[in-house]
N, C-alpha and C. Protein backbone atom coordinates (compact mmCIF):
# COMPACT_ATOMS: atom_id res chain seq x y z
N MET A 1 6.91 -18.78 -15.57
CA MET A 1 6.70 -19.80 -16.53
C MET A 1 7.99 -19.99 -17.34
N SER A 2 8.34 -21.19 -17.56
CA SER A 2 9.55 -21.51 -18.36
C SER A 2 9.07 -21.94 -19.76
N ILE A 3 9.64 -21.34 -20.74
CA ILE A 3 9.42 -21.73 -22.15
C ILE A 3 10.70 -22.34 -22.60
N ILE A 4 10.60 -23.61 -22.99
CA ILE A 4 11.78 -24.32 -23.48
C ILE A 4 11.72 -24.41 -24.98
N THR A 5 12.73 -23.92 -25.67
CA THR A 5 12.72 -23.94 -27.11
C THR A 5 13.96 -24.76 -27.59
N PRO A 6 13.72 -26.02 -28.01
CA PRO A 6 14.82 -26.76 -28.60
C PRO A 6 15.08 -26.23 -29.99
N THR A 7 16.32 -26.22 -30.41
CA THR A 7 16.69 -25.74 -31.70
C THR A 7 17.85 -26.53 -32.28
N TRP A 8 17.88 -26.61 -33.58
CA TRP A 8 19.02 -27.21 -34.28
C TRP A 8 19.03 -26.54 -35.62
N ALA A 9 20.11 -25.83 -35.88
CA ALA A 9 20.33 -25.15 -37.18
C ALA A 9 19.14 -24.22 -37.51
N CYS A 10 18.71 -23.42 -36.54
CA CYS A 10 17.54 -22.53 -36.70
C CYS A 10 17.89 -21.05 -36.58
N ALA A 11 19.14 -20.73 -36.88
CA ALA A 11 19.55 -19.34 -36.72
C ALA A 11 18.64 -18.38 -37.56
N ASP A 12 18.12 -18.86 -38.67
CA ASP A 12 17.26 -18.02 -39.49
C ASP A 12 15.93 -17.70 -38.86
N PHE A 13 15.50 -18.51 -37.89
CA PHE A 13 14.17 -18.42 -37.30
C PHE A 13 14.14 -18.06 -35.88
N ILE A 14 15.25 -18.18 -35.17
CA ILE A 14 15.19 -18.01 -33.68
C ILE A 14 14.91 -16.60 -33.25
N ALA A 15 15.32 -15.62 -34.00
CA ALA A 15 15.02 -14.21 -33.64
C ALA A 15 13.56 -13.95 -33.67
N GLU A 16 12.90 -14.45 -34.70
CA GLU A 16 11.42 -14.32 -34.80
C GLU A 16 10.74 -14.96 -33.64
N THR A 17 11.21 -16.13 -33.23
CA THR A 17 10.63 -16.86 -32.08
C THR A 17 10.76 -16.04 -30.82
N ILE A 18 12.01 -15.51 -30.59
CA ILE A 18 12.24 -14.74 -29.39
C ILE A 18 11.35 -13.45 -29.34
N LYS A 19 11.31 -12.75 -30.47
CA LYS A 19 10.50 -11.51 -30.53
C LYS A 19 9.05 -11.83 -30.25
N SER A 20 8.53 -12.95 -30.77
CA SER A 20 7.17 -13.33 -30.56
C SER A 20 6.86 -13.58 -29.07
N ILE A 21 7.82 -14.19 -28.40
CA ILE A 21 7.63 -14.44 -26.95
C ILE A 21 7.69 -13.10 -26.20
N GLN A 22 8.62 -12.26 -26.56
CA GLN A 22 8.73 -10.93 -25.89
C GLN A 22 7.46 -10.09 -26.07
N CYS A 23 6.72 -10.27 -27.14
CA CYS A 23 5.56 -9.44 -27.44
C CYS A 23 4.31 -9.95 -26.69
N GLN A 24 4.39 -11.05 -26.02
CA GLN A 24 3.21 -11.57 -25.33
C GLN A 24 2.80 -10.63 -24.20
N THR A 25 1.56 -10.60 -23.85
CA THR A 25 1.09 -9.72 -22.79
C THR A 25 1.57 -10.26 -21.40
N TYR A 26 1.65 -11.54 -21.28
CA TYR A 26 2.16 -12.17 -20.05
C TYR A 26 3.67 -12.02 -20.03
N GLN A 27 4.22 -11.38 -19.05
CA GLN A 27 5.66 -11.07 -19.02
C GLN A 27 6.47 -11.84 -18.00
N ASN A 28 5.86 -12.64 -17.16
CA ASN A 28 6.59 -13.37 -16.13
C ASN A 28 7.06 -14.72 -16.65
N TRP A 29 8.04 -14.72 -17.50
CA TRP A 29 8.53 -15.95 -18.10
C TRP A 29 10.05 -15.94 -18.23
N GLU A 30 10.58 -17.14 -18.50
CA GLU A 30 12.00 -17.28 -18.85
C GLU A 30 12.05 -18.12 -20.11
N LEU A 31 12.90 -17.81 -21.00
CA LEU A 31 13.07 -18.55 -22.23
C LEU A 31 14.37 -19.32 -22.18
N LEU A 32 14.29 -20.62 -22.25
CA LEU A 32 15.45 -21.50 -22.21
C LEU A 32 15.62 -22.11 -23.61
N ILE A 33 16.65 -21.64 -24.27
CA ILE A 33 16.93 -22.10 -25.65
C ILE A 33 17.97 -23.21 -25.52
N GLN A 34 17.63 -24.41 -25.97
CA GLN A 34 18.52 -25.55 -25.90
C GLN A 34 18.94 -25.92 -27.33
N ASP A 35 20.14 -25.57 -27.73
CA ASP A 35 20.63 -25.87 -29.00
C ASP A 35 21.21 -27.29 -29.05
N ASP A 36 20.78 -28.07 -30.01
CA ASP A 36 21.22 -29.45 -30.12
C ASP A 36 22.43 -29.60 -31.00
N CYS A 37 23.49 -28.96 -30.61
CA CYS A 37 24.80 -29.10 -31.32
C CYS A 37 24.81 -28.53 -32.72
N SER A 38 24.15 -27.39 -32.95
CA SER A 38 24.15 -26.77 -34.25
C SER A 38 25.56 -26.31 -34.63
N LYS A 39 25.83 -26.36 -35.87
CA LYS A 39 27.10 -25.83 -36.39
C LYS A 39 26.93 -24.41 -36.97
N GLY A 40 25.74 -23.88 -36.93
CA GLY A 40 25.47 -22.54 -37.46
C GLY A 40 25.76 -21.46 -36.45
N ASN A 41 25.13 -20.36 -36.68
CA ASN A 41 25.42 -19.16 -35.85
C ASN A 41 24.21 -18.80 -34.93
N THR A 42 23.57 -19.81 -34.43
CA THR A 42 22.42 -19.57 -33.53
C THR A 42 22.82 -18.73 -32.31
N LEU A 43 23.91 -19.03 -31.72
CA LEU A 43 24.37 -18.27 -30.55
C LEU A 43 24.59 -16.84 -30.92
N GLU A 44 25.10 -16.53 -32.07
CA GLU A 44 25.37 -15.12 -32.47
C GLU A 44 24.05 -14.38 -32.64
N VAL A 45 23.00 -15.06 -33.06
CA VAL A 45 21.70 -14.44 -33.19
C VAL A 45 21.07 -14.25 -31.81
N VAL A 46 21.23 -15.19 -30.91
CA VAL A 46 20.57 -15.15 -29.60
C VAL A 46 21.27 -14.19 -28.66
N LYS A 47 22.60 -14.06 -28.74
CA LYS A 47 23.36 -13.26 -27.83
C LYS A 47 22.90 -11.84 -27.61
N PRO A 48 22.57 -11.05 -28.65
CA PRO A 48 22.07 -9.71 -28.41
C PRO A 48 20.78 -9.68 -27.58
N PHE A 49 19.92 -10.64 -27.77
CA PHE A 49 18.68 -10.74 -26.97
C PHE A 49 19.04 -11.05 -25.49
N MET A 50 20.01 -11.92 -25.25
CA MET A 50 20.40 -12.25 -23.90
C MET A 50 21.00 -11.05 -23.20
N GLU A 51 21.71 -10.23 -23.94
CA GLU A 51 22.37 -9.05 -23.38
C GLU A 51 21.37 -8.02 -22.91
N THR A 52 20.18 -7.99 -23.53
CA THR A 52 19.18 -6.98 -23.21
C THR A 52 17.98 -7.51 -22.43
N ASP A 53 17.90 -8.81 -22.29
CA ASP A 53 16.76 -9.45 -21.61
C ASP A 53 17.27 -10.64 -20.84
N GLU A 54 17.36 -10.46 -19.51
CA GLU A 54 17.96 -11.49 -18.64
C GLU A 54 17.05 -12.74 -18.49
N ARG A 55 15.88 -12.71 -19.03
CA ARG A 55 14.97 -13.86 -19.00
C ARG A 55 15.36 -14.88 -20.08
N ILE A 56 16.23 -14.52 -20.98
CA ILE A 56 16.60 -15.39 -22.12
C ILE A 56 17.93 -16.04 -21.76
N LYS A 57 17.91 -17.40 -21.88
CA LYS A 57 19.12 -18.17 -21.59
C LYS A 57 19.34 -19.15 -22.74
N TYR A 58 20.64 -19.43 -23.00
CA TYR A 58 20.98 -20.33 -24.08
C TYR A 58 22.04 -21.34 -23.65
N GLU A 59 21.85 -22.56 -24.10
CA GLU A 59 22.85 -23.62 -23.89
C GLU A 59 22.94 -24.49 -25.10
N CYS A 60 24.15 -24.97 -25.37
CA CYS A 60 24.34 -25.80 -26.56
C CYS A 60 24.85 -27.18 -26.11
N ASN A 61 24.16 -28.22 -26.56
CA ASN A 61 24.61 -29.57 -26.24
C ASN A 61 25.91 -29.88 -26.98
N PRO A 62 26.79 -30.68 -26.34
CA PRO A 62 28.06 -31.01 -26.98
C PRO A 62 27.88 -32.06 -28.14
N SER A 63 26.75 -32.73 -28.18
CA SER A 63 26.44 -33.67 -29.23
C SER A 63 24.94 -33.71 -29.49
N LEU A 64 24.55 -34.34 -30.59
CA LEU A 64 23.11 -34.40 -30.88
C LEU A 64 22.39 -35.30 -29.85
N ILE A 65 21.58 -34.67 -29.03
CA ILE A 65 20.81 -35.36 -28.03
C ILE A 65 19.33 -35.39 -28.38
N PHE A 66 18.78 -34.18 -28.49
CA PHE A 66 17.33 -34.05 -28.77
C PHE A 66 16.93 -34.63 -30.10
N THR A 67 17.78 -34.39 -31.10
CA THR A 67 17.44 -34.85 -32.43
C THR A 67 17.32 -36.35 -32.47
N LYS A 68 18.24 -37.06 -31.84
CA LYS A 68 18.17 -38.52 -31.74
C LYS A 68 16.92 -38.98 -31.01
N LEU A 69 16.64 -38.34 -29.85
CA LEU A 69 15.46 -38.70 -29.12
C LEU A 69 14.16 -38.45 -29.89
N LEU A 70 14.12 -37.33 -30.56
CA LEU A 70 12.90 -36.99 -31.32
C LEU A 70 12.73 -38.04 -32.41
N GLN A 71 13.79 -38.39 -33.10
CA GLN A 71 13.68 -39.38 -34.16
C GLN A 71 13.18 -40.72 -33.61
N LYS A 72 13.72 -41.14 -32.45
CA LYS A 72 13.34 -42.41 -31.88
C LYS A 72 11.86 -42.35 -31.46
N ASN A 73 11.43 -41.27 -30.76
CA ASN A 73 10.04 -41.13 -30.37
C ASN A 73 9.10 -41.04 -31.55
N TRP A 74 9.48 -40.31 -32.58
CA TRP A 74 8.66 -40.17 -33.77
C TRP A 74 8.47 -41.50 -34.42
N ASN A 75 9.57 -42.26 -34.60
CA ASN A 75 9.47 -43.56 -35.26
C ASN A 75 8.64 -44.54 -34.39
N GLY A 76 8.79 -44.47 -33.07
CA GLY A 76 7.97 -45.34 -32.20
C GLY A 76 6.47 -44.98 -32.28
N THR A 77 6.17 -43.69 -32.35
CA THR A 77 4.78 -43.27 -32.45
C THR A 77 4.22 -43.72 -33.77
N LEU A 78 4.93 -43.54 -34.88
CA LEU A 78 4.45 -43.97 -36.19
C LEU A 78 4.21 -45.46 -36.18
N ALA A 79 5.05 -46.27 -35.58
CA ALA A 79 4.87 -47.73 -35.54
C ALA A 79 3.63 -48.08 -34.80
N LYS A 80 3.29 -47.40 -33.73
CA LYS A 80 2.08 -47.71 -32.93
C LYS A 80 0.85 -47.48 -33.78
N PHE A 81 0.82 -46.44 -34.61
CA PHE A 81 -0.36 -46.12 -35.40
C PHE A 81 -0.48 -47.03 -36.62
N LYS A 82 0.58 -47.65 -37.02
CA LYS A 82 0.54 -48.54 -38.20
C LYS A 82 0.12 -49.93 -37.88
N LYS A 83 -0.07 -50.25 -36.59
CA LYS A 83 -0.49 -51.61 -36.19
C LYS A 83 -1.89 -51.93 -36.63
């Protein structure tokens, strides 16, 4: 099972997220952390987890991709409900 975790400026919370996933009873998973061009230290927080658990992978977008898509989808959804 693939768990995809989008993140942006979440270095303060990503360790808790990873630990929560690691504590689940189901262990056949991979965690794909997709950073949306954070300027913080998310990678530095994730790196020790990746070094000890090969199921954890991290990638950082070169520019804001998810954030823009989420905003567009969110605004579109809100507009549909306001009709």
